[in-house]
Amino acid sequence: EVDAEGLALKDGIATVGFERNHRVAQFRIDPDDMKPQFRQLDFLIPAWELRRNRGFETVTHANPDGQHQGGLVVVSEKSLDKSGNIYAAVVEGPHKGVFTVKRNGNFDIADGAFLPDGDLLLLERSFSMAGGVKMRLRRIYGESVEKGAVADGPVLMQADMGYQIDNMEGLDVWTRDDGALMVSLVSDDNHSMLQRNLYLEFVLHED
């Protein structure tokens, strides 16, 4: 598979989102005996609505104590509905269904992860010949992640090539030993001499 984009890990299962041949597949994690996928999940979004190279970049599990009870949520990179919003879906749990994320400017969605309070943190990126590479973090209100809704929320930060960023594609959220909520970002150099692999860490302050 040459276009695996999104990854979520839970209970020894790796759930992977694929572009081009759009699907969400699950694999049992066994470093000594990895096998092909054991099942595919119904991602609920009509397949014809997914653009060829704009599929599932975000694959993440919701907060286990929240409304979706740890269910899987997928968000496409830039598969747009008639209103110009980005297709997404809750594919597991008691409230599964299709929703959209409001597209804000010329940014596409690169990855995402749920915060402890149930909000969804999205990594977004854009590129133009004039403006170069940009990235931003947007906090989607957890209550807007539901069937039929248009999910939205504020931009927490935005950076361009004036900062130490590159083609930022991966995001994770974790808690440091001292209790600080951390956001990790990683870039993809696409085997290009003009791009870099970077790993960045930020503290997400809740005050």
N, C-alpha and C. Protein backbone atom coordinates (compact mmCIF):
# COMPACT_ATOMS: atom_id res chain seq x y z
N GLU A 1 0.85 -1.18 0.00
CA GLU A 1 0.00 0.00 0.00
C GLU A 1 0.89 1.24 0.00
N VAL A 2 0.66 2.13 -0.93
CA VAL A 2 1.54 3.29 -1.05
C VAL A 2 0.90 4.56 -0.54
N ASP A 3 -0.34 4.53 -0.08
CA ASP A 3 -0.97 5.77 0.34
C ASP A 3 -1.76 5.60 1.63
N ALA A 4 -1.12 4.99 2.63
CA ALA A 4 -1.69 4.95 3.97
C ALA A 4 -1.45 6.30 4.62
N GLU A 5 -2.50 6.94 5.12
CA GLU A 5 -2.38 8.32 5.60
C GLU A 5 -2.69 8.47 7.09
N GLY A 6 -3.80 7.91 7.56
CA GLY A 6 -4.20 8.09 8.95
C GLY A 6 -3.99 6.83 9.76
N LEU A 7 -3.67 7.00 11.06
CA LEU A 7 -3.40 5.85 11.93
C LEU A 7 -3.93 6.12 13.32
N ALA A 8 -4.64 5.12 13.88
CA ALA A 8 -5.07 5.16 15.27
C ALA A 8 -4.76 3.81 15.90
N LEU A 9 -4.26 3.83 17.14
CA LEU A 9 -3.90 2.61 17.85
C LEU A 9 -4.76 2.47 19.10
N LYS A 10 -5.31 1.26 19.31
CA LYS A 10 -6.13 1.01 20.49
C LYS A 10 -6.25 -0.49 20.71
N ASP A 11 -5.95 -0.92 21.93
CA ASP A 11 -6.15 -2.31 22.34
C ASP A 11 -5.48 -3.31 21.38
N GLY A 12 -4.27 -2.98 20.94
CA GLY A 12 -3.53 -3.89 20.08
C GLY A 12 -4.00 -3.92 18.63
N ILE A 13 -4.84 -2.96 18.26
CA ILE A 13 -5.36 -2.88 16.89
C ILE A 13 -4.89 -1.57 16.26
N ALA A 14 -4.36 -1.66 15.05
CA ALA A 14 -4.01 -0.47 14.27
C ALA A 14 -5.10 -0.25 13.23
N THR A 15 -5.71 0.92 13.27
CA THR A 15 -6.72 1.29 12.29
C THR A 15 -6.10 2.30 11.34
N VAL A 16 -6.14 2.00 10.05
CA VAL A 16 -5.40 2.78 9.05
C VAL A 16 -6.36 3.31 8.00
N GLY A 17 -6.22 4.60 7.69
CA GLY A 17 -6.99 5.20 6.61
C GLY A 17 -6.16 5.27 5.35
N PHE A 18 -6.75 4.85 4.23
CA PHE A 18 -6.05 4.83 2.94
C PHE A 18 -6.73 5.78 1.97
N GLU A 19 -5.90 6.45 1.15
CA GLU A 19 -6.39 7.28 0.06
C GLU A 19 -6.31 6.51 -1.26
N ARG A 20 -6.84 7.16 -2.29
CA ARG A 20 -6.90 6.62 -3.66
C ARG A 20 -7.86 5.44 -3.68
N ASN A 21 -7.45 4.28 -3.16
CA ASN A 21 -8.39 3.19 -2.94
C ASN A 21 -8.94 3.38 -1.53
N HIS A 22 -9.95 4.24 -1.42
CA HIS A 22 -10.40 4.72 -0.11
C HIS A 22 -10.95 3.58 0.74
N ARG A 23 -10.38 3.46 1.93
CA ARG A 23 -10.89 2.48 2.87
C ARG A 23 -10.29 2.73 4.25
N VAL A 24 -10.92 2.15 5.26
CA VAL A 24 -10.42 2.18 6.63
C VAL A 24 -10.28 0.73 7.06
N ALA A 25 -9.04 0.29 7.27
CA ALA A 25 -8.76 -1.12 7.52
C ALA A 25 -8.13 -1.30 8.90
N GLN A 26 -8.32 -2.48 9.48
CA GLN A 26 -7.77 -2.77 10.80
C GLN A 26 -6.81 -3.96 10.74
N PHE A 27 -5.72 -3.82 11.51
CA PHE A 27 -4.66 -4.82 11.58
C PHE A 27 -4.37 -5.14 13.04
N ARG A 28 -4.15 -6.40 13.35
CA ARG A 28 -3.70 -6.77 14.69
C ARG A 28 -2.19 -6.53 14.78
N ILE A 29 -1.76 -5.85 15.85
CA ILE A 29 -0.36 -5.50 15.99
C ILE A 29 0.40 -6.67 16.61
N ASP A 30 1.27 -7.27 15.83
CA ASP A 30 2.13 -8.36 16.30
C ASP A 30 3.46 -8.22 15.57
N PRO A 31 4.45 -7.55 16.19
CA PRO A 31 5.71 -7.28 15.50
C PRO A 31 6.39 -8.53 14.96
N ASP A 32 6.14 -9.67 15.58
CA ASP A 32 6.80 -10.90 15.14
C ASP A 32 5.99 -11.66 14.09
N ASP A 33 4.75 -11.24 13.88
CA ASP A 33 3.91 -12.00 12.94
C ASP A 33 2.78 -11.12 12.41
N MET A 34 3.17 -10.00 11.79
CA MET A 34 2.15 -9.11 11.23
C MET A 34 1.46 -9.78 10.04
N LYS A 35 0.16 -9.63 10.01
CA LYS A 35 -0.65 -10.24 8.96
C LYS A 35 -1.45 -9.17 8.23
N PRO A 36 -2.04 -9.52 7.09
CA PRO A 36 -2.89 -8.55 6.39
C PRO A 36 -4.07 -8.11 7.25
N GLN A 37 -4.75 -7.10 6.80
CA GLN A 37 -5.92 -6.60 7.52
C GLN A 37 -6.89 -7.73 7.83
N PHE A 38 -7.55 -7.62 8.98
CA PHE A 38 -8.54 -8.64 9.31
C PHE A 38 -9.96 -8.15 9.07
N ARG A 39 -10.12 -6.83 8.86
CA ARG A 39 -11.43 -6.34 8.46
C ARG A 39 -11.34 -4.90 7.97
N GLN A 40 -12.35 -4.51 7.21
CA GLN A 40 -12.52 -3.13 6.80
C GLN A 40 -13.77 -2.57 7.47
N LEU A 41 -13.70 -1.29 7.83
CA LEU A 41 -14.83 -0.63 8.47
C LEU A 41 -15.64 0.15 7.44
N ASP A 42 -16.92 0.21 7.66
CA ASP A 42 -17.79 1.04 6.84
C ASP A 42 -17.56 2.49 7.27
N PHE A 43 -17.02 3.31 6.36
CA PHE A 43 -16.72 4.70 6.74
C PHE A 43 -17.90 5.64 6.49
N LEU A 44 -19.03 5.11 6.06
CA LEU A 44 -20.32 5.79 6.00
C LEU A 44 -20.44 6.87 4.93
N ILE A 45 -19.37 7.57 4.64
CA ILE A 45 -19.40 8.61 3.60
C ILE A 45 -19.52 7.93 2.24
N PRO A 46 -20.43 8.36 1.37
CA PRO A 46 -20.50 7.75 0.04
C PRO A 46 -19.15 7.82 -0.67
N ALA A 47 -18.69 6.68 -1.19
CA ALA A 47 -17.34 6.60 -1.75
C ALA A 47 -17.14 7.61 -2.88
N TRP A 48 -18.20 7.89 -3.65
CA TRP A 48 -18.04 8.81 -4.78
C TRP A 48 -17.82 10.25 -4.33
N GLU A 49 -18.03 10.53 -3.04
CA GLU A 49 -17.79 11.88 -2.53
C GLU A 49 -16.32 12.10 -2.14
N LEU A 50 -15.53 11.04 -2.11
CA LEU A 50 -14.14 11.14 -1.71
C LEU A 50 -13.25 11.38 -2.92
N ARG A 51 -12.49 12.47 -2.90
CA ARG A 51 -11.60 12.80 -4.01
C ARG A 51 -10.39 11.87 -3.98
N ARG A 52 -9.80 11.63 -5.15
CA ARG A 52 -8.80 10.57 -5.30
C ARG A 52 -7.65 10.70 -4.31
N ASN A 53 -7.09 11.89 -4.16
CA ASN A 53 -5.95 12.07 -3.27
C ASN A 53 -6.31 13.00 -2.12
N ARG A 54 -7.57 12.96 -1.69
CA ARG A 54 -8.04 13.85 -0.63
C ARG A 54 -8.89 13.07 0.37
N GLY A 55 -8.43 11.84 0.67
CA GLY A 55 -9.21 10.95 1.53
C GLY A 55 -8.90 11.10 3.00
N PHE A 56 -8.86 9.98 3.71
CA PHE A 56 -8.84 9.99 5.18
C PHE A 56 -7.44 10.24 5.73
N GLU A 57 -7.16 11.50 6.03
CA GLU A 57 -5.90 11.86 6.67
C GLU A 57 -6.00 11.72 8.19
N THR A 58 -7.19 11.91 8.73
CA THR A 58 -7.39 11.83 10.18
C THR A 58 -8.17 10.57 10.53
N VAL A 59 -7.57 9.74 11.38
CA VAL A 59 -8.22 8.55 11.93
C VAL A 59 -7.92 8.57 13.42
N THR A 60 -8.93 8.73 14.25
CA THR A 60 -8.66 8.92 15.68
C THR A 60 -9.84 8.43 16.51
N HIS A 61 -9.55 8.03 17.74
CA HIS A 61 -10.59 7.57 18.65
C HIS A 61 -11.05 8.72 19.53
N ALA A 62 -12.36 8.83 19.70
CA ALA A 62 -12.93 9.86 20.56
C ALA A 62 -12.64 9.56 22.02
N ASN A 63 -12.88 10.55 22.86
CA ASN A 63 -12.71 10.40 24.30
C ASN A 63 -13.61 9.27 24.81
N PRO A 64 -13.05 8.29 25.52
CA PRO A 64 -13.87 7.15 25.98
C PRO A 64 -14.99 7.55 26.94
N ASP A 65 -14.85 8.70 27.60
CA ASP A 65 -15.87 9.15 28.54
C ASP A 65 -16.83 10.15 27.93
N GLY A 66 -16.69 10.43 26.64
CA GLY A 66 -17.52 11.42 25.98
C GLY A 66 -18.72 10.82 25.28
N GLN A 67 -19.38 11.63 24.47
CA GLN A 67 -20.62 11.22 23.82
C GLN A 67 -20.43 10.07 22.84
N HIS A 68 -19.21 9.93 22.28
CA HIS A 68 -18.97 8.87 21.30
C HIS A 68 -18.30 7.64 21.92
N GLN A 69 -18.05 7.68 23.21
CA GLN A 69 -17.59 6.52 23.99
C GLN A 69 -16.39 5.81 23.35
N GLY A 70 -15.42 6.59 22.91
CA GLY A 70 -14.20 6.02 22.35
C GLY A 70 -14.32 5.55 20.92
N GLY A 71 -15.43 5.84 20.27
CA GLY A 71 -15.65 5.41 18.89
C GLY A 71 -14.68 6.07 17.92
N LEU A 72 -14.52 5.45 16.77
CA LEU A 72 -13.58 5.93 15.76
C LEU A 72 -14.20 7.08 14.97
N VAL A 73 -13.38 8.10 14.73
CA VAL A 73 -13.79 9.25 13.93
C VAL A 73 -12.79 9.43 12.79
N VAL A 74 -13.28 9.65 11.58
CA VAL A 74 -12.41 9.87 10.42
C VAL A 74 -12.76 11.22 9.79
N VAL A 75 -11.72 11.91 9.31
CA VAL A 75 -11.91 13.20 8.65
C VAL A 75 -11.09 13.18 7.37
N SER A 76 -11.70 13.58 6.27
CA SER A 76 -10.97 13.60 5.00
C SER A 76 -10.11 14.85 4.91
N GLU A 77 -9.16 14.80 4.01
CA GLU A 77 -8.25 15.93 3.81
C GLU A 77 -8.96 17.10 3.14
N LYS A 78 -9.61 16.81 2.02
CA LYS A 78 -10.28 17.88 1.27
C LYS A 78 -11.31 17.29 0.32
N SER A 79 -12.18 16.45 0.85
CA SER A 79 -13.33 15.98 0.07
C SER A 79 -14.51 16.83 0.52
N LEU A 80 -15.00 17.69 -0.38
CA LEU A 80 -15.93 18.74 0.00
C LEU A 80 -17.36 18.41 -0.40
N ASP A 81 -18.30 18.84 0.44
CA ASP A 81 -19.71 18.72 0.08
C ASP A 81 -20.12 19.94 -0.75
N LYS A 82 -21.39 20.04 -1.08
CA LYS A 82 -21.86 21.12 -1.95
C LYS A 82 -21.72 22.49 -1.31
N SER A 83 -21.59 22.53 0.01
CA SER A 83 -21.41 23.80 0.71
C SER A 83 -19.94 24.16 0.89
N GLY A 84 -19.05 23.29 0.41
CA GLY A 84 -17.63 23.56 0.53
C GLY A 84 -17.02 23.13 1.84
N ASN A 85 -17.75 22.32 2.62
CA ASN A 85 -17.22 21.81 3.88
C ASN A 85 -16.66 20.41 3.71
N ILE A 86 -15.85 19.97 4.66
CA ILE A 86 -15.03 18.77 4.51
C ILE A 86 -15.74 17.56 5.12
N TYR A 87 -15.85 16.50 4.34
CA TYR A 87 -16.53 15.29 4.81
C TYR A 87 -15.78 14.62 5.96
N ALA A 88 -16.56 14.13 6.92
CA ALA A 88 -16.04 13.40 8.07
C ALA A 88 -17.14 12.47 8.57
N ALA A 89 -16.78 11.56 9.48
CA ALA A 89 -17.79 10.64 10.00
C ALA A 89 -17.37 10.07 11.34
N VAL A 90 -18.36 9.83 12.18
CA VAL A 90 -18.19 8.99 13.37
C VAL A 90 -18.59 7.59 12.93
N VAL A 91 -17.64 6.67 12.87
CA VAL A 91 -17.91 5.36 12.26
C VAL A 91 -18.17 4.27 13.28
N GLU A 92 -18.03 4.58 14.56
CA GLU A 92 -18.32 3.62 15.63
C GLU A 92 -19.03 4.34 16.76
N GLY A 93 -19.65 3.57 17.63
CA GLY A 93 -20.26 4.16 18.81
C GLY A 93 -21.75 4.38 18.65
N PRO A 94 -22.39 4.90 19.70
CA PRO A 94 -23.85 5.01 19.73
C PRO A 94 -24.42 6.11 18.85
N HIS A 95 -23.59 7.04 18.38
CA HIS A 95 -24.09 8.18 17.61
C HIS A 95 -23.37 8.29 16.27
N LYS A 96 -23.12 7.16 15.63
CA LYS A 96 -22.35 7.20 14.39
C LYS A 96 -23.16 7.84 13.27
N GLY A 97 -22.41 8.46 12.34
CA GLY A 97 -23.05 9.13 11.22
C GLY A 97 -22.08 10.10 10.57
N VAL A 98 -22.49 10.63 9.43
CA VAL A 98 -21.66 11.55 8.66
C VAL A 98 -21.86 12.98 9.17
N PHE A 99 -20.77 13.72 9.28
CA PHE A 99 -20.83 15.15 9.55
C PHE A 99 -19.80 15.84 8.66
N THR A 100 -19.68 17.14 8.74
CA THR A 100 -18.66 17.86 7.99
C THR A 100 -17.91 18.80 8.92
N VAL A 101 -16.72 19.18 8.49
CA VAL A 101 -15.92 20.18 9.19
C VAL A 101 -15.89 21.44 8.33
N LYS A 102 -16.22 22.56 8.92
CA LYS A 102 -16.24 23.82 8.17
C LYS A 102 -14.84 24.12 7.64
N ARG A 103 -14.74 24.33 6.34
CA ARG A 103 -13.44 24.68 5.75
C ARG A 103 -13.20 26.16 5.97
N ASN A 104 -12.04 26.45 6.50
CA ASN A 104 -11.70 27.81 6.90
C ASN A 104 -10.47 28.25 6.11
N GLY A 105 -10.68 29.07 5.07
CA GLY A 105 -9.56 29.51 4.25
C GLY A 105 -9.10 28.41 3.31
N ASN A 106 -7.85 28.49 2.89
CA ASN A 106 -7.30 27.54 1.92
C ASN A 106 -6.52 26.41 2.60
N PHE A 107 -6.89 26.08 3.81
CA PHE A 107 -6.21 25.03 4.56
C PHE A 107 -6.92 23.69 4.38
N ASP A 108 -6.12 22.63 4.22
CA ASP A 108 -6.62 21.26 4.18
C ASP A 108 -6.26 20.56 5.48
N ILE A 109 -6.97 19.50 5.80
CA ILE A 109 -6.77 18.80 7.08
C ILE A 109 -5.72 17.71 6.90
N ALA A 110 -4.71 17.73 7.76
CA ALA A 110 -3.61 16.77 7.67
C ALA A 110 -3.68 15.67 8.72
N ASP A 111 -4.21 15.97 9.90
CA ASP A 111 -4.30 14.95 10.96
C ASP A 111 -5.13 15.53 12.09
N GLY A 112 -5.44 14.69 13.07
CA GLY A 112 -6.22 15.17 14.20
C GLY A 112 -6.20 14.18 15.35
N ALA A 113 -6.50 14.67 16.54
CA ALA A 113 -6.59 13.82 17.73
C ALA A 113 -7.51 14.50 18.73
N PHE A 114 -8.19 13.69 19.52
CA PHE A 114 -9.09 14.23 20.53
C PHE A 114 -8.32 14.65 21.77
N LEU A 115 -8.76 15.75 22.37
CA LEU A 115 -8.21 16.23 23.62
C LEU A 115 -8.97 15.60 24.79
N PRO A 116 -8.41 15.63 25.99
CA PRO A 116 -9.08 15.00 27.13
C PRO A 116 -10.48 15.54 27.40
N ASP A 117 -10.75 16.80 27.04
CA ASP A 117 -12.07 17.37 27.31
C ASP A 117 -13.10 17.04 26.23
N GLY A 118 -12.68 16.28 25.19
CA GLY A 118 -13.61 15.89 24.15
C GLY A 118 -13.55 16.72 22.89
N ASP A 119 -12.81 17.84 22.91
CA ASP A 119 -12.63 18.62 21.68
C ASP A 119 -11.68 17.88 20.74
N LEU A 120 -11.79 18.19 19.45
CA LEU A 120 -10.97 17.57 18.42
C LEU A 120 -9.94 18.58 17.93
N LEU A 121 -8.66 18.27 18.10
CA LEU A 121 -7.59 19.15 17.65
C LEU A 121 -7.17 18.72 16.24
N LEU A 122 -7.26 19.65 15.29
CA LEU A 122 -6.91 19.36 13.90
C LEU A 122 -5.63 20.08 13.50
N LEU A 123 -4.77 19.36 12.81
CA LEU A 123 -3.60 19.95 12.15
C LEU A 123 -4.00 20.23 10.71
N GLU A 124 -3.81 21.48 10.28
CA GLU A 124 -4.17 21.87 8.92
C GLU A 124 -2.94 22.48 8.24
N ARG A 125 -2.91 22.39 6.92
CA ARG A 125 -1.77 22.92 6.17
C ARG A 125 -2.26 23.52 4.86
N SER A 126 -1.43 24.40 4.31
CA SER A 126 -1.71 24.95 2.99
C SER A 126 -0.39 25.20 2.28
N PHE A 127 -0.48 25.29 0.95
CA PHE A 127 0.72 25.59 0.16
C PHE A 127 0.31 26.39 -1.07
N SER A 128 1.12 27.39 -1.37
CA SER A 128 1.00 28.13 -2.62
C SER A 128 2.39 28.57 -3.05
N MET A 129 2.57 28.79 -4.34
CA MET A 129 3.87 29.23 -4.82
C MET A 129 4.23 30.60 -4.25
N ALA A 130 3.22 31.43 -4.04
CA ALA A 130 3.48 32.77 -3.52
C ALA A 130 3.72 32.78 -2.01
N GLY A 131 2.93 32.00 -1.29
CA GLY A 131 3.00 32.04 0.17
C GLY A 131 3.79 30.92 0.81
N GLY A 132 4.17 29.90 0.03
CA GLY A 132 4.90 28.78 0.58
C GLY A 132 4.02 27.90 1.46
N VAL A 133 4.66 27.20 2.39
CA VAL A 133 3.97 26.27 3.28
C VAL A 133 3.48 27.00 4.53
N LYS A 134 2.25 26.68 4.93
CA LYS A 134 1.71 27.18 6.19
C LYS A 134 1.08 26.02 6.95
N MET A 135 0.99 26.18 8.26
CA MET A 135 0.31 25.18 9.09
C MET A 135 -0.47 25.91 10.17
N ARG A 136 -1.47 25.22 10.69
CA ARG A 136 -2.18 25.78 11.84
C ARG A 136 -2.84 24.65 12.63
N LEU A 137 -3.17 24.96 13.87
CA LEU A 137 -3.91 24.06 14.75
C LEU A 137 -5.28 24.68 15.01
N ARG A 138 -6.32 23.88 14.82
CA ARG A 138 -7.69 24.36 15.05
C ARG A 138 -8.39 23.42 16.03
N ARG A 139 -9.03 24.00 17.03
CA ARG A 139 -9.72 23.23 18.06
C ARG A 139 -11.21 23.17 17.73
N ILE A 140 -11.67 21.98 17.36
CA ILE A 140 -13.06 21.78 16.98
C ILE A 140 -13.87 21.43 18.23
N TYR A 141 -14.93 22.16 18.46
CA TYR A 141 -15.75 21.91 19.65
C TYR A 141 -16.30 20.48 19.61
N GLY A 142 -16.10 19.75 20.70
CA GLY A 142 -16.52 18.36 20.74
C GLY A 142 -18.00 18.16 20.52
N GLU A 143 -18.82 19.08 21.02
CA GLU A 143 -20.27 18.93 20.87
C GLU A 143 -20.73 19.09 19.43
N SER A 144 -19.87 19.67 18.57
CA SER A 144 -20.24 19.84 17.16
C SER A 144 -19.83 18.63 16.31
N VAL A 145 -19.13 17.67 16.92
CA VAL A 145 -18.76 16.44 16.21
C VAL A 145 -19.91 15.45 16.38
N GLU A 146 -20.89 15.55 15.50
CA GLU A 146 -22.05 14.67 15.59
C GLU A 146 -22.74 14.59 14.24
N LYS A 147 -23.51 13.55 14.07
CA LYS A 147 -24.19 13.28 12.81
C LYS A 147 -24.97 14.49 12.32
N GLY A 148 -24.72 14.86 11.06
CA GLY A 148 -25.46 15.93 10.42
C GLY A 148 -24.98 17.33 10.73
N ALA A 149 -24.02 17.48 11.64
CA ALA A 149 -23.56 18.80 12.05
C ALA A 149 -22.44 19.31 11.15
N VAL A 150 -22.22 20.62 11.20
CA VAL A 150 -21.03 21.24 10.61
C VAL A 150 -20.13 21.63 11.78
N ALA A 151 -19.07 20.86 11.98
CA ALA A 151 -18.19 21.06 13.12
C ALA A 151 -17.25 22.24 12.86
N ASP A 152 -16.98 23.00 13.91
CA ASP A 152 -16.14 24.18 13.76
C ASP A 152 -15.53 24.53 15.11
N GLY A 153 -14.56 25.43 15.07
CA GLY A 153 -13.92 25.88 16.29
C GLY A 153 -12.79 26.84 15.98
N PRO A 154 -12.18 27.41 17.02
CA PRO A 154 -11.19 28.47 16.83
C PRO A 154 -9.82 27.96 16.39
N VAL A 155 -9.09 28.83 15.72
CA VAL A 155 -7.68 28.57 15.39
C VAL A 155 -6.84 28.88 16.62
N LEU A 156 -6.01 27.93 17.05
CA LEU A 156 -5.15 28.13 18.21
C LEU A 156 -3.81 28.74 17.84
N MET A 157 -3.28 28.35 16.69
CA MET A 157 -2.01 28.91 16.24
C MET A 157 -1.89 28.74 14.74
N GLN A 158 -1.08 29.61 14.13
CA GLN A 158 -0.80 29.52 12.70
C GLN A 158 0.64 29.94 12.48
N ALA A 159 1.33 29.24 11.57
CA ALA A 159 2.73 29.54 11.30
C ALA A 159 3.01 29.40 9.81
N ASP A 160 3.98 30.18 9.34
CA ASP A 160 4.40 30.10 7.95
C ASP A 160 5.90 29.82 7.90
N MET A 161 6.51 30.03 6.74
CA MET A 161 7.93 29.69 6.58
C MET A 161 8.86 30.63 7.34
N GLY A 162 8.30 31.63 8.00
CA GLY A 162 9.11 32.45 8.89
C GLY A 162 9.45 31.73 10.18
N TYR A 163 8.83 30.57 10.40
CA TYR A 163 9.08 29.73 11.57
C TYR A 163 9.68 28.40 11.13
N GLN A 164 10.11 27.60 12.08
CA GLN A 164 10.72 26.31 11.77
C GLN A 164 9.64 25.26 11.55
N ILE A 165 8.98 25.35 10.40
CA ILE A 165 7.98 24.36 10.03
C ILE A 165 8.33 23.82 8.65
N ASP A 166 7.61 22.79 8.24
CA ASP A 166 7.74 22.26 6.89
C ASP A 166 6.39 21.67 6.50
N ASN A 167 6.39 20.57 5.79
CA ASN A 167 5.16 19.93 5.35
C ASN A 167 4.59 19.11 6.51
N MET A 168 3.98 19.80 7.48
CA MET A 168 3.53 19.15 8.71
C MET A 168 2.32 18.26 8.43
N GLU A 169 2.46 16.97 8.74
CA GLU A 169 1.43 16.00 8.37
C GLU A 169 0.90 15.16 9.52
N GLY A 170 1.66 15.01 10.60
CA GLY A 170 1.24 14.12 11.68
C GLY A 170 1.08 14.86 12.99
N LEU A 171 0.10 14.43 13.79
CA LEU A 171 -0.19 15.06 15.08
C LEU A 171 -0.54 14.00 16.11
N ASP A 172 -0.09 14.22 17.35
CA ASP A 172 -0.54 13.39 18.46
C ASP A 172 -0.65 14.26 19.70
N VAL A 173 -1.49 13.83 20.63
CA VAL A 173 -1.70 14.53 21.90
C VAL A 173 -1.39 13.55 23.02
N TRP A 174 -0.61 14.00 24.01
CA TRP A 174 -0.24 13.11 25.11
C TRP A 174 0.02 13.95 26.35
N THR A 175 0.09 13.27 27.50
CA THR A 175 0.29 13.95 28.78
C THR A 175 1.69 13.67 29.31
N ARG A 176 2.43 14.72 29.60
CA ARG A 176 3.78 14.60 30.14
C ARG A 176 3.72 14.18 31.61
N ASP A 177 4.84 13.70 32.14
CA ASP A 177 4.87 13.21 33.51
C ASP A 177 4.45 14.27 34.52
N ASP A 178 4.69 15.54 34.20
CA ASP A 178 4.32 16.61 35.13
C ASP A 178 2.88 17.08 34.94
N GLY A 179 2.13 16.38 34.07
CA GLY A 179 0.73 16.71 33.86
C GLY A 179 0.46 17.64 32.70
N ALA A 180 1.50 18.17 32.07
CA ALA A 180 1.31 19.09 30.95
C ALA A 180 0.72 18.35 29.75
N LEU A 181 -0.22 18.99 29.07
CA LEU A 181 -0.82 18.43 27.87
C LEU A 181 0.04 18.81 26.67
N MET A 182 0.58 17.81 25.99
CA MET A 182 1.55 18.02 24.92
C MET A 182 0.92 17.75 23.55
N VAL A 183 1.37 18.53 22.58
CA VAL A 183 0.99 18.33 21.18
C VAL A 183 2.26 18.09 20.38
N SER A 184 2.36 16.94 19.73
CA SER A 184 3.52 16.61 18.91
C SER A 184 3.14 16.68 17.44
N LEU A 185 4.02 17.29 16.64
CA LEU A 185 3.80 17.41 15.20
C LEU A 185 5.01 16.86 14.47
N VAL A 186 4.77 16.23 13.32
CA VAL A 186 5.86 15.70 12.51
C VAL A 186 5.60 16.06 11.05
N SER A 187 6.69 16.32 10.32
CA SER A 187 6.57 16.65 8.90
C SER A 187 7.03 15.49 8.03
N ASP A 188 6.67 15.57 6.76
CA ASP A 188 7.03 14.55 5.77
C ASP A 188 7.85 15.23 4.68
N ASP A 189 9.06 14.71 4.42
CA ASP A 189 9.90 15.35 3.41
C ASP A 189 9.62 14.85 1.99
N ASN A 190 8.75 13.83 1.86
CA ASN A 190 8.38 13.31 0.53
C ASN A 190 9.60 12.95 -0.31
N HIS A 191 10.69 12.55 0.35
CA HIS A 191 11.94 12.18 -0.34
C HIS A 191 12.46 13.33 -1.21
N SER A 192 12.20 14.55 -0.77
CA SER A 192 12.61 15.72 -1.54
C SER A 192 13.77 16.44 -0.85
N MET A 193 14.72 16.91 -1.63
CA MET A 193 15.83 17.69 -1.08
C MET A 193 15.37 19.06 -0.60
N LEU A 194 14.18 19.47 -1.00
CA LEU A 194 13.68 20.79 -0.64
C LEU A 194 12.83 20.78 0.63
N GLN A 195 12.60 19.58 1.19
CA GLN A 195 11.78 19.46 2.39
C GLN A 195 12.56 18.74 3.48
N ARG A 196 12.06 18.87 4.72
CA ARG A 196 12.74 18.28 5.87
C ARG A 196 11.78 17.43 6.68
N ASN A 197 12.34 16.45 7.39
CA ASN A 197 11.60 15.76 8.44
C ASN A 197 11.83 16.50 9.75
N LEU A 198 10.76 17.03 10.32
CA LEU A 198 10.85 17.76 11.58
C LEU A 198 9.94 17.13 12.62
N TYR A 199 10.36 17.22 13.88
CA TYR A 199 9.51 16.84 15.00
C TYR A 199 9.41 18.04 15.94
N LEU A 200 8.19 18.50 16.19
CA LEU A 200 7.96 19.67 17.03
C LEU A 200 7.07 19.30 18.20
N GLU A 201 7.31 19.93 19.35
CA GLU A 201 6.47 19.73 20.53
C GLU A 201 5.98 21.08 21.05
N PHE A 202 4.72 21.09 21.48
CA PHE A 202 4.12 22.28 22.07
C PHE A 202 3.38 21.88 23.34
N VAL A 203 3.34 22.79 24.29
CA VAL A 203 2.49 22.63 25.47
C VAL A 203 1.17 23.33 25.20
N LEU A 204 0.06 22.61 25.36
CA LEU A 204 -1.25 23.20 25.16
C LEU A 204 -1.76 23.72 26.50
N HIS A 205 -1.76 25.03 26.64
CA HIS A 205 -2.22 25.65 27.88
C HIS A 205 -3.73 25.80 27.85
N GLU A 206 -4.38 25.43 28.93
CA GLU A 206 -5.84 25.46 29.00
C GLU A 206 -6.37 26.71 29.68
N ASP A 207 -5.49 27.63 30.10
CA ASP A 207 -5.97 28.83 30.80
C ASP A 207 -6.29 29.95 29.81
